[in-house]
């Protein structure tokens, strides 16, 4: 399974395969032509409440991860669809966050590769 992560502001490449934006909000200053997305999956993004609480604070990431996993547990069908797509070819999760280590795409990629942990 080939699941990749890429910032929305990085140029799209053919090697990205199927490109899916997984943020609830459209990236600022980015045109649809520049984004070259195949899909925008808002429902898999963290809730507005969780996103605002997290505020991209790396110290909050462990708790954010736990809460986001719980939210993802409500979207098993959409997750299964993405896992299937990743089995068929490259799937690139596109996100806007500046921090490449502490964001929702990191968590979602982990879930797609390994599945949801028990209790999520």
C-alpha atoms as a PDB file:
ATOM      1  CA  UNK A   1       0.000   0.000   0.000  1.00  0.00           C
ATOM      2  CA  UNK A   2       1.508   3.292  -1.122  1.00  0.00           C
ATOM      3  CA  UNK A   3       0.175   6.196   0.959  1.00  0.00           C
ATOM      4  CA  UNK A   4       2.113   9.443   0.652  1.00  0.00           C
ATOM      5  CA  UNK A   5       1.814  12.868   2.256  1.00  0.00           C
ATOM      6  CA  UNK A   6       2.309  16.170   0.492  1.00  0.00           C
ATOM      7  CA  UNK A   7       1.719  19.792   1.337  1.00  0.00           C
ATOM      8  CA  UNK A   8      -0.848  21.460  -0.891  1.00  0.00           C
ATOM      9  CA  UNK A   9       1.689  24.163  -1.770  1.00  0.00           C
ATOM     10  CA  UNK A  10       4.195  21.694  -3.231  1.00  0.00           C
ATOM     11  CA  UNK A  11       3.889  21.168  -6.986  1.00  0.00           C
ATOM     12  CA  UNK A  12       1.732  18.233  -8.049  1.00  0.00           C
ATOM     13  CA  UNK A  13       3.586  15.447  -9.846  1.00  0.00           C
ATOM     14  CA  UNK A  14       2.408  12.504 -11.903  1.00  0.00           C
ATOM     15  CA  UNK A  15       4.080  10.200  -9.377  1.00  0.00           C
ATOM     16  CA  UNK A  16       1.596  11.438  -6.736  1.00  0.00           C
ATOM     17  CA  UNK A  17      -1.028   9.140  -8.191  1.00  0.00           C
ATOM     18  CA  UNK A  18      -4.504   9.841  -6.817  1.00  0.00           C
ATOM     19  CA  UNK A  19      -4.400  13.191  -4.981  1.00  0.00           C
ATOM     20  CA  UNK A  20      -6.944  13.829  -2.244  1.00  0.00           C
ATOM     21  CA  UNK A  21      -7.231  16.964  -0.122  1.00  0.00           C
ATOM     22  CA  UNK A  22      -8.053  15.928   3.424  1.00  0.00           C
ATOM     23  CA  UNK A  23      -8.459  19.361   5.022  1.00  0.00           C
ATOM     24  CA  UNK A  24     -11.843  20.799   5.936  1.00  0.00           C
ATOM     25  CA  UNK A  25     -10.821  24.251   4.617  1.00  0.00           C
ATOM     26  CA  UNK A  26      -9.434  25.026   1.182  1.00  0.00           C
ATOM     27  CA  UNK A  27      -5.713  26.026   1.339  1.00  0.00           C
ATOM     28  CA  UNK A  28      -5.301  29.795   1.188  1.00  0.00           C
ATOM     29  CA  UNK A  29      -4.025  31.248  -2.051  1.00  0.00           C
ATOM     30  CA  UNK A  30      -4.130  27.948  -3.935  1.00  0.00           C
ATOM     31  CA  UNK A  31      -6.128  27.674  -7.139  1.00  0.00           C
ATOM     32  CA  UNK A  32      -7.912  24.490  -8.133  1.00  0.00           C
ATOM     33  CA  UNK A  33      -5.656  24.278 -11.181  1.00  0.00           C
ATOM     34  CA  UNK A  34      -2.524  24.432  -9.010  1.00  0.00           C
ATOM     35  CA  UNK A  35      -3.900  21.858  -6.583  1.00  0.00           C
ATOM     36  CA  UNK A  36      -4.585  19.252  -9.303  1.00  0.00           C
ATOM     37  CA  UNK A  37      -6.775  17.216  -6.964  1.00  0.00           C
ATOM     38  CA  UNK A  38      -8.771  14.139  -7.783  1.00  0.00           C
ATOM     39  CA  UNK A  39     -10.960  14.488  -4.716  1.00  0.00           C
ATOM     40  CA  UNK A  40     -11.614  16.634  -1.640  1.00  0.00           C
ATOM     41  CA  UNK A  41     -12.623  14.507   1.351  1.00  0.00           C
ATOM     42  CA  UNK A  42     -13.794  17.037   3.964  1.00  0.00           C
ATOM     43  CA  UNK A  43     -15.592  14.465   6.092  1.00  0.00           C
ATOM     44  CA  UNK A  44     -12.288  12.812   7.033  1.00  0.00           C
ATOM     45  CA  UNK A  45     -10.794  16.078   8.255  1.00  0.00           C
ATOM     46  CA  UNK A  46     -10.810  16.803  11.989  1.00  0.00           C
ATOM     47  CA  UNK A  47     -13.927  18.566  13.211  1.00  0.00           C
ATOM     48  CA  UNK A  48     -13.768  22.332  13.318  1.00  0.00           C
ATOM     49  CA  UNK A  49     -13.871  22.171  17.103  1.00  0.00           C
ATOM     50  CA  UNK A  50     -10.910  19.762  17.276  1.00  0.00           C
ATOM     51  CA  UNK A  51      -8.920  21.680  14.656  1.00  0.00           C
ATOM     52  CA  UNK A  52      -9.339  24.961  16.537  1.00  0.00           C
ATOM     53  CA  UNK A  53      -8.482  23.347  19.886  1.00  0.00           C
ATOM     54  CA  UNK A  54      -5.299  21.798  18.444  1.00  0.00           C
ATOM     55  CA  UNK A  55      -4.117  25.027  16.836  1.00  0.00           C
ATOM     56  CA  UNK A  56      -1.110  23.124  15.408  1.00  0.00           C
ATOM     57  CA  UNK A  57       0.534  23.086  18.846  1.00  0.00           C
ATOM     58  CA  UNK A  58       3.013  20.164  18.789  1.00  0.00           C
ATOM     59  CA  UNK A  59       2.596  19.757  22.563  1.00  0.00           C
ATOM     60  CA  UNK A  60      -1.090  18.958  22.009  1.00  0.00           C
ATOM     61  CA  UNK A  61      -0.434  16.455  19.222  1.00  0.00           C
ATOM     62  CA  UNK A  62      -0.704  13.254  21.318  1.00  0.00           C
ATOM     63  CA  UNK A  63      -4.116  14.322  22.617  1.00  0.00           C
ATOM     64  CA  UNK A  64      -5.126  15.605  19.178  1.00  0.00           C
ATOM     65  CA  UNK A  65      -4.167  12.231  17.685  1.00  0.00           C
ATOM     66  CA  UNK A  66      -6.286  10.354  20.236  1.00  0.00           C
ATOM     67  CA  UNK A  67      -9.311  12.605  19.670  1.00  0.00           C
ATOM     68  CA  UNK A  68      -8.944  12.522  15.891  1.00  0.00           C
ATOM     69  CA  UNK A  69      -8.741   8.714  15.887  1.00  0.00           C
ATOM     70  CA  UNK A  70     -12.017   8.699  17.785  1.00  0.00           C
ATOM     71  CA  UNK A  71     -13.583  10.949  15.132  1.00  0.00           C
ATOM     72  CA  UNK A  72     -12.240   8.768  12.319  1.00  0.00           C
ATOM     73  CA  UNK A  73     -13.978   5.798  13.906  1.00  0.00           C
ATOM     74  CA  UNK A  74     -17.239   7.327  12.686  1.00  0.00           C
ATOM     75  CA  UNK A  75     -16.066   7.194   9.048  1.00  0.00           C
ATOM     76  CA  UNK A  76     -15.124   3.556   8.573  1.00  0.00           C
ATOM     77  CA  UNK A  77     -16.745   3.289   5.144  1.00  0.00           C
ATOM     78  CA  UNK A  78     -14.801   6.275   3.753  1.00  0.00           C
ATOM     79  CA  UNK A  79     -11.591   4.900   5.281  1.00  0.00           C
ATOM     80  CA  UNK A  80     -12.188   1.500   3.697  1.00  0.00           C
ATOM     81  CA  UNK A  81     -12.687   3.168   0.317  1.00  0.00           C
ATOM     82  CA  UNK A  82      -9.387   5.056   0.627  1.00  0.00           C
ATOM     83  CA  UNK A  83      -7.551   1.919   1.761  1.00  0.00           C
ATOM     84  CA  UNK A  84      -8.831   0.120  -1.323  1.00  0.00           C
ATOM     85  CA  UNK A  85      -7.681   2.962  -3.559  1.00  0.00           C
ATOM     86  CA  UNK A  86      -4.223   2.863  -1.915  1.00  0.00           C
ATOM     87  CA  UNK A  87      -3.999  -0.865  -2.623  1.00  0.00           C
ATOM     88  CA  UNK A  88      -4.671  -0.167  -6.310  1.00  0.00           C
ATOM     89  CA  UNK A  89      -1.967   2.502  -6.688  1.00  0.00           C
ATOM     90  CA  UNK A  90      -0.325   5.522  -5.136  1.00  0.00           C
ATOM     91  CA  UNK A  91      -2.555   7.632  -2.889  1.00  0.00           C
ATOM     92  CA  UNK A  92      -1.290  11.060  -1.870  1.00  0.00           C
ATOM     93  CA  UNK A  93      -2.932  12.801   1.074  1.00  0.00           C
ATOM     94  CA  UNK A  94      -2.726  16.539   0.434  1.00  0.00           C
ATOM     95  CA  UNK A  95      -2.789  18.937   3.393  1.00  0.00           C
ATOM     96  CA  UNK A  96      -2.007  22.608   4.033  1.00  0.00           C
ATOM     97  CA  UNK A  97      -0.362  22.563   7.489  1.00  0.00           C
ATOM     98  CA  UNK A  98       3.174  23.949   7.725  1.00  0.00           C
ATOM     99  CA  UNK A  99       4.236  21.382  10.336  1.00  0.00           C
ATOM    100  CA  UNK A 100       4.894  18.185   8.404  1.00  0.00           C
ATOM    101  CA  UNK A 101       5.151  16.011  11.531  1.00  0.00           C
ATOM    102  CA  UNK A 102       2.174  17.168  13.618  1.00  0.00           C
ATOM    103  CA  UNK A 103      -0.957  17.276  11.487  1.00  0.00           C
ATOM    104  CA  UNK A 104      -4.078  15.313  10.615  1.00  0.00           C
ATOM    105  CA  UNK A 105      -2.554  13.838   7.441  1.00  0.00           C
ATOM    106  CA  UNK A 106       0.096  12.046   9.515  1.00  0.00           C
ATOM    107  CA  UNK A 107      -2.625  10.421  11.618  1.00  0.00           C
ATOM    108  CA  UNK A 108      -4.822   9.563   8.652  1.00  0.00           C
ATOM    109  CA  UNK A 109      -1.916   7.987   6.744  1.00  0.00           C
ATOM    110  CA  UNK A 110      -1.147   5.830   9.785  1.00  0.00           C
ATOM    111  CA  UNK A 111      -4.779   4.688   9.925  1.00  0.00           C
ATOM    112  CA  UNK A 112      -4.809   3.851   6.229  1.00  0.00           C
ATOM    113  CA  UNK A 113      -1.603   1.830   6.536  1.00  0.00           C
ATOM    114  CA  UNK A 114      -2.390   0.019   9.792  1.00  0.00           C
ATOM    115  CA  UNK A 115      -6.122   0.383  10.399  1.00  0.00           C
ATOM    116  CA  UNK A 116      -7.913   2.024  13.296  1.00  0.00           C
ATOM    117  CA  UNK A 117      -6.695   1.036  16.751  1.00  0.00           C
ATOM    118  CA  UNK A 118      -9.120  -0.790  18.992  1.00  0.00           C
ATOM    119  CA  UNK A 119     -11.521   1.488  20.771  1.00  0.00           C
ATOM    120  CA  UNK A 120     -11.400   4.178  18.088  1.00  0.00           C
END
